[in-house]
């Protein structure tokens, strides 16, 4: 099966969306699509194509991976120095959870069986 290649416009469209978080209309104009509604419609159609979606997912994963160090640093700073003890606790719990030290899940166990209750109020 032949791999489909993105056009320059499609690549710029996805790169703009991922890097700026702007609207499809704004990204379409920056990528060179027609301005206004027709550009937004053309960009939306391009974004529905499987090879464009695959490129977008790859770009998002790369962006998240690169920014994960910033998020981890922020979480550590909150655990160490947030003014609120609640925020420190939640950040610490999140760090422990991500490190694999998750508390045991609390589960409610229901047992099926015959139960008889007799109350004598005399």
N, C-alpha and C. Protein backbone atom coordinates (compact mmCIF):
# COMPACT_ATOMS: atom_id res chain seq x y z
N UNK A 1 0.84 -1.18 0.00
CA UNK A 1 0.00 0.00 0.00
C UNK A 1 0.88 1.24 0.00
N UNK A 2 0.56 2.20 -0.82
CA UNK A 2 1.34 3.42 -0.96
C UNK A 2 1.05 4.36 0.20
N UNK A 3 2.12 4.88 0.83
CA UNK A 3 1.96 5.82 1.93
C UNK A 3 1.66 7.21 1.36
N UNK A 4 0.62 7.86 1.90
CA UNK A 4 0.25 9.18 1.44
C UNK A 4 1.15 10.22 2.12
N UNK A 5 1.55 11.20 1.35
CA UNK A 5 2.44 12.24 1.85
C UNK A 5 1.62 13.51 2.05
N UNK A 6 1.88 14.22 3.12
CA UNK A 6 1.19 15.47 3.38
C UNK A 6 1.69 16.57 2.46
N UNK A 7 0.78 17.45 2.08
CA UNK A 7 1.19 18.62 1.32
C UNK A 7 1.82 19.62 2.29
N UNK A 8 2.47 20.63 1.75
CA UNK A 8 3.06 21.67 2.60
C UNK A 8 1.99 22.37 3.43
N UNK A 9 0.83 22.61 2.82
CA UNK A 9 -0.27 23.27 3.53
C UNK A 9 -0.77 22.41 4.69
N UNK A 10 -0.93 21.10 4.43
CA UNK A 10 -1.41 20.21 5.48
C UNK A 10 -0.41 20.14 6.64
N UNK A 11 0.87 20.07 6.31
CA UNK A 11 1.90 20.03 7.34
C UNK A 11 1.88 21.30 8.17
N UNK A 12 1.81 22.44 7.50
CA UNK A 12 1.80 23.72 8.22
C UNK A 12 0.53 23.86 9.04
N UNK A 13 -0.60 23.39 8.52
CA UNK A 13 -1.86 23.43 9.24
C UNK A 13 -1.74 22.68 10.57
N UNK A 14 -1.28 21.44 10.50
CA UNK A 14 -1.14 20.63 11.70
C UNK A 14 -0.11 21.23 12.65
N UNK A 15 1.03 21.63 12.13
CA UNK A 15 2.08 22.20 12.97
C UNK A 15 1.57 23.45 13.70
N UNK A 16 0.79 24.27 13.01
CA UNK A 16 0.24 25.48 13.62
C UNK A 16 -0.77 25.14 14.71
N UNK A 17 -1.65 24.20 14.42
CA UNK A 17 -2.63 23.79 15.42
C UNK A 17 -1.96 23.24 16.68
N UNK A 18 -0.98 22.39 16.49
CA UNK A 18 -0.31 21.75 17.63
C UNK A 18 0.51 22.76 18.43
N UNK A 19 1.21 23.64 17.74
CA UNK A 19 2.11 24.55 18.45
C UNK A 19 1.40 25.74 19.08
N UNK A 20 0.27 26.18 18.51
CA UNK A 20 -0.38 27.39 19.03
C UNK A 20 -1.69 27.12 19.74
N UNK A 21 -2.37 26.03 19.36
CA UNK A 21 -3.68 25.75 19.96
C UNK A 21 -4.76 26.69 19.45
N UNK A 22 -4.52 27.33 18.33
CA UNK A 22 -5.49 28.27 17.77
C UNK A 22 -6.66 27.51 17.14
N UNK A 23 -7.60 28.26 16.60
CA UNK A 23 -8.75 27.63 15.95
C UNK A 23 -8.35 27.11 14.57
N UNK A 24 -9.18 26.25 14.02
CA UNK A 24 -8.91 25.71 12.67
C UNK A 24 -8.92 26.85 11.66
N UNK A 25 -9.82 27.80 11.82
CA UNK A 25 -9.89 28.94 10.89
C UNK A 25 -8.58 29.72 10.92
N UNK A 26 -8.06 30.01 12.11
CA UNK A 26 -6.80 30.76 12.24
C UNK A 26 -5.63 29.97 11.66
N UNK A 27 -5.58 28.67 11.98
CA UNK A 27 -4.50 27.83 11.47
C UNK A 27 -4.56 27.72 9.95
N UNK A 28 -5.77 27.64 9.41
CA UNK A 28 -5.94 27.54 7.96
C UNK A 28 -5.38 28.78 7.27
N UNK A 29 -5.68 29.94 7.81
CA UNK A 29 -5.17 31.18 7.21
C UNK A 29 -3.65 31.24 7.30
N UNK A 30 -3.08 30.82 8.45
CA UNK A 30 -1.63 30.84 8.61
C UNK A 30 -0.94 29.83 7.70
N UNK A 31 -1.66 28.74 7.37
CA UNK A 31 -1.08 27.69 6.54
C UNK A 31 -1.23 27.97 5.05
N UNK A 32 -1.97 29.05 4.71
CA UNK A 32 -2.10 29.39 3.30
C UNK A 32 -3.40 28.97 2.65
N UNK A 33 -4.36 28.48 3.44
CA UNK A 33 -5.68 28.18 2.89
C UNK A 33 -6.41 29.49 2.67
N UNK A 34 -7.51 29.44 1.95
CA UNK A 34 -8.31 30.64 1.71
C UNK A 34 -8.77 31.22 3.04
N UNK A 35 -8.96 32.51 3.08
CA UNK A 35 -9.42 33.12 4.33
C UNK A 35 -10.92 32.92 4.48
N UNK A 36 -11.38 32.99 5.71
CA UNK A 36 -12.81 32.87 5.97
C UNK A 36 -13.30 31.45 6.05
N UNK A 37 -14.59 31.32 5.80
CA UNK A 37 -15.27 30.02 5.96
C UNK A 37 -14.78 28.96 4.97
N UNK A 38 -14.48 29.36 3.74
CA UNK A 38 -14.04 28.36 2.75
C UNK A 38 -12.69 27.75 3.15
N UNK A 39 -11.82 28.56 3.73
CA UNK A 39 -10.54 28.03 4.20
C UNK A 39 -10.71 27.09 5.37
N UNK A 40 -11.63 27.45 6.29
CA UNK A 40 -11.90 26.58 7.43
C UNK A 40 -12.47 25.24 6.99
N UNK A 41 -13.37 25.27 6.01
CA UNK A 41 -13.97 24.04 5.51
C UNK A 41 -12.91 23.16 4.84
N UNK A 42 -12.07 23.76 4.01
CA UNK A 42 -11.00 23.00 3.35
C UNK A 42 -10.04 22.40 4.37
N UNK A 43 -9.69 23.19 5.39
CA UNK A 43 -8.78 22.69 6.43
C UNK A 43 -9.43 21.57 7.22
N UNK A 44 -10.71 21.71 7.52
CA UNK A 44 -11.43 20.66 8.27
C UNK A 44 -11.46 19.36 7.48
N UNK A 45 -11.67 19.46 6.17
CA UNK A 45 -11.65 18.26 5.32
C UNK A 45 -10.27 17.62 5.33
N UNK A 46 -9.24 18.45 5.26
CA UNK A 46 -7.87 17.92 5.28
C UNK A 46 -7.59 17.21 6.60
N UNK A 47 -8.08 17.77 7.70
CA UNK A 47 -7.82 17.20 9.02
C UNK A 47 -8.54 15.86 9.24
N UNK A 48 -9.54 15.58 8.43
CA UNK A 48 -10.26 14.30 8.55
C UNK A 48 -9.57 13.17 7.79
N UNK A 49 -8.60 13.48 6.97
CA UNK A 49 -7.91 12.44 6.20
C UNK A 49 -7.01 11.63 7.14
N UNK A 50 -7.04 10.30 7.01
CA UNK A 50 -6.30 9.44 7.94
C UNK A 50 -4.81 9.75 8.04
N UNK A 51 -4.15 10.05 6.92
CA UNK A 51 -2.71 10.30 6.99
C UNK A 51 -2.42 11.64 7.67
N UNK A 52 -3.34 12.59 7.57
CA UNK A 52 -3.18 13.87 8.26
C UNK A 52 -3.43 13.68 9.75
N UNK A 53 -4.44 12.89 10.10
CA UNK A 53 -4.71 12.58 11.50
C UNK A 53 -3.54 11.86 12.15
N UNK A 54 -2.93 10.94 11.41
CA UNK A 54 -1.78 10.21 11.93
C UNK A 54 -0.62 11.17 12.21
N UNK A 55 -0.38 12.10 11.30
CA UNK A 55 0.69 13.08 11.50
C UNK A 55 0.37 13.98 12.70
N UNK A 56 -0.91 14.34 12.86
CA UNK A 56 -1.29 15.18 13.98
C UNK A 56 -1.07 14.45 15.30
N UNK A 57 -1.45 13.19 15.37
CA UNK A 57 -1.25 12.43 16.61
C UNK A 57 0.24 12.30 16.94
N UNK A 58 1.05 12.07 15.93
CA UNK A 58 2.50 11.99 16.13
C UNK A 58 3.04 13.32 16.64
N UNK A 59 2.58 14.42 16.06
CA UNK A 59 3.02 15.75 16.47
C UNK A 59 2.60 16.07 17.90
N UNK A 60 1.37 15.70 18.25
CA UNK A 60 0.88 15.94 19.62
C UNK A 60 1.69 15.12 20.62
N UNK A 61 1.96 13.86 20.30
CA UNK A 61 2.76 13.02 21.19
C UNK A 61 4.16 13.59 21.39
N UNK A 62 4.76 14.07 20.33
CA UNK A 62 6.09 14.67 20.43
C UNK A 62 6.05 15.93 21.30
N UNK A 63 5.04 16.77 21.08
CA UNK A 63 4.92 18.00 21.86
C UNK A 63 4.70 17.69 23.34
N UNK A 64 3.86 16.70 23.62
CA UNK A 64 3.62 16.33 25.02
C UNK A 64 4.88 15.75 25.65
N UNK A 65 5.59 14.95 24.89
CA UNK A 65 6.83 14.36 25.40
C UNK A 65 7.86 15.42 25.73
N UNK A 66 7.99 16.41 24.86
CA UNK A 66 8.94 17.48 25.11
C UNK A 66 8.55 18.33 26.30
N UNK A 67 7.26 18.52 26.51
CA UNK A 67 6.80 19.37 27.61
C UNK A 67 6.54 18.60 28.90
N UNK A 68 6.72 17.29 28.87
CA UNK A 68 6.52 16.50 30.09
C UNK A 68 7.52 16.89 31.17
N UNK A 69 8.72 17.27 30.78
CA UNK A 69 9.71 17.67 31.78
C UNK A 69 9.28 18.95 32.50
N UNK A 70 8.64 19.86 31.78
CA UNK A 70 8.14 21.08 32.39
C UNK A 70 7.04 20.74 33.39
N UNK A 71 6.14 19.86 32.99
CA UNK A 71 5.04 19.46 33.86
C UNK A 71 5.56 18.74 35.11
N UNK A 72 6.54 17.86 34.94
CA UNK A 72 7.10 17.14 36.08
C UNK A 72 7.78 18.11 37.04
N UNK A 73 8.49 19.07 36.51
CA UNK A 73 9.15 20.07 37.35
C UNK A 73 8.13 20.89 38.12
N UNK A 74 7.05 21.29 37.46
CA UNK A 74 6.00 22.07 38.11
C UNK A 74 5.36 21.26 39.24
N UNK A 75 5.12 19.98 38.99
CA UNK A 75 4.52 19.11 39.99
C UNK A 75 5.43 18.97 41.20
N UNK A 76 6.73 18.79 40.97
CA UNK A 76 7.69 18.71 42.08
C UNK A 76 7.74 20.02 42.87
N UNK A 77 7.71 21.14 42.17
CA UNK A 77 7.71 22.44 42.85
C UNK A 77 6.47 22.62 43.71
N UNK A 78 5.32 22.18 43.21
CA UNK A 78 4.10 22.26 44.00
C UNK A 78 4.17 21.37 45.24
N UNK A 79 4.69 20.17 45.08
CA UNK A 79 4.80 19.25 46.21
C UNK A 79 5.74 19.80 47.28
N UNK A 80 6.76 20.51 46.85
CA UNK A 80 7.75 21.03 47.79
C UNK A 80 7.36 22.37 48.41
N UNK A 81 6.72 23.23 47.63
CA UNK A 81 6.59 24.59 48.12
C UNK A 81 5.27 25.29 47.96
N UNK A 82 4.21 24.58 47.63
CA UNK A 82 2.92 25.25 47.51
C UNK A 82 2.50 25.80 48.87
N UNK A 83 1.84 26.93 48.88
CA UNK A 83 1.40 27.52 50.15
C UNK A 83 0.33 26.67 50.82
N UNK A 84 -0.49 26.04 50.03
CA UNK A 84 -1.57 25.21 50.56
C UNK A 84 -1.07 23.79 50.82
N UNK A 85 -1.31 23.31 52.03
CA UNK A 85 -0.95 21.92 52.34
C UNK A 85 -1.76 20.94 51.50
N UNK A 86 -2.99 21.32 51.16
CA UNK A 86 -3.81 20.46 50.32
C UNK A 86 -3.17 20.29 48.94
N UNK A 87 -2.68 21.38 48.36
CA UNK A 87 -2.03 21.33 47.05
C UNK A 87 -0.75 20.48 47.15
N UNK A 88 0.01 20.65 48.22
CA UNK A 88 1.21 19.84 48.42
C UNK A 88 0.85 18.36 48.49
N UNK A 89 -0.21 18.04 49.25
CA UNK A 89 -0.64 16.65 49.39
C UNK A 89 -1.07 16.06 48.05
N UNK A 90 -1.89 16.80 47.30
CA UNK A 90 -2.37 16.29 46.01
C UNK A 90 -1.23 16.11 45.02
N UNK A 91 -0.28 17.04 45.00
CA UNK A 91 0.87 16.92 44.11
C UNK A 91 1.71 15.72 44.51
N UNK A 92 1.91 15.53 45.81
CA UNK A 92 2.69 14.38 46.28
C UNK A 92 2.00 13.07 45.94
N UNK A 93 0.68 13.01 46.11
CA UNK A 93 -0.05 11.79 45.76
C UNK A 93 0.06 11.50 44.27
N UNK A 94 0.00 12.56 43.45
CA UNK A 94 0.11 12.38 42.01
C UNK A 94 1.49 11.86 41.63
N UNK A 95 2.53 12.39 42.25
CA UNK A 95 3.89 11.93 41.98
C UNK A 95 4.03 10.46 42.36
N UNK A 96 3.55 10.10 43.54
CA UNK A 96 3.64 8.70 43.99
C UNK A 96 2.87 7.77 43.05
N UNK A 97 1.69 8.21 42.65
CA UNK A 97 0.87 7.41 41.74
C UNK A 97 1.60 7.17 40.42
N UNK A 98 2.20 8.21 39.87
CA UNK A 98 2.92 8.08 38.60
C UNK A 98 4.19 7.26 38.73
N UNK A 99 4.74 7.20 39.94
CA UNK A 99 5.94 6.40 40.19
C UNK A 99 5.61 4.94 40.47
N UNK A 100 4.31 4.61 40.50
CA UNK A 100 3.90 3.22 40.70
C UNK A 100 3.50 2.89 42.12
N UNK A 101 3.45 3.88 42.98
CA UNK A 101 3.06 3.65 44.37
C UNK A 101 1.62 4.09 44.59
N UNK A 102 0.74 3.43 43.88
CA UNK A 102 -0.68 3.76 43.93
C UNK A 102 -1.33 3.01 45.09
N UNK A 103 -2.18 3.68 45.86
CA UNK A 103 -2.86 2.97 46.95
C UNK A 103 -3.80 1.91 46.40
N UNK A 104 -4.05 0.91 47.21
CA UNK A 104 -4.95 -0.17 46.80
C UNK A 104 -6.33 0.41 46.54
N UNK A 105 -6.98 -0.10 45.51
CA UNK A 105 -8.34 0.34 45.21
C UNK A 105 -9.28 -0.17 46.28
N UNK A 106 -10.14 0.71 46.72
CA UNK A 106 -11.15 0.31 47.69
C UNK A 106 -12.32 -0.25 46.91
N UNK A 107 -12.72 -1.46 47.27
CA UNK A 107 -13.81 -2.09 46.55
C UNK A 107 -14.87 -2.53 47.54
N UNK A 108 -16.09 -2.42 47.12
CA UNK A 108 -17.21 -2.86 47.91
C UNK A 108 -17.58 -4.26 47.45
N UNK A 109 -17.59 -5.19 48.37
CA UNK A 109 -17.93 -6.57 48.02
C UNK A 109 -19.33 -6.86 48.54
N UNK A 110 -20.18 -7.26 47.65
CA UNK A 110 -21.54 -7.65 48.02
C UNK A 110 -21.64 -9.16 47.96
N UNK A 111 -22.22 -9.73 48.99
CA UNK A 111 -22.37 -11.18 49.03
C UNK A 111 -23.85 -11.50 48.95
N UNK A 112 -24.17 -12.40 48.05
CA UNK A 112 -25.55 -12.81 47.87
C UNK A 112 -25.85 -13.95 48.83
N UNK A 113 -26.98 -13.88 49.45
CA UNK A 113 -27.37 -14.97 50.35
C UNK A 113 -28.65 -14.60 51.07
N UNK A 114 -29.13 -15.54 51.84
CA UNK A 114 -30.35 -15.31 52.60
C UNK A 114 -30.00 -14.59 53.89
N UNK A 115 -30.67 -13.49 54.12
CA UNK A 115 -30.47 -12.74 55.34
C UNK A 115 -31.83 -12.61 56.01
N UNK A 116 -31.86 -12.91 57.29
CA UNK A 116 -33.09 -12.83 58.03
C UNK A 116 -32.86 -11.91 59.23
N UNK A 117 -33.73 -10.94 59.39
CA UNK A 117 -33.64 -10.02 60.49
C UNK A 117 -34.95 -10.09 61.26
N UNK A 118 -34.83 -10.29 62.54
CA UNK A 118 -36.01 -10.36 63.38
C UNK A 118 -35.85 -9.36 64.50
N UNK A 119 -36.80 -8.43 64.60
CA UNK A 119 -36.74 -7.41 65.64
C UNK A 119 -37.97 -7.56 66.51
N UNK A 120 -37.74 -7.77 67.79
CA UNK A 120 -38.84 -7.92 68.76
C UNK A 120 -38.95 -6.63 69.53
N UNK A 121 -40.03 -5.89 69.32
CA UNK A 121 -40.21 -4.61 69.99
C UNK A 121 -41.19 -4.70 71.16
N UNK A 122 -41.47 -5.89 71.64
CA UNK A 122 -42.43 -6.02 72.75
C UNK A 122 -41.83 -5.80 74.10
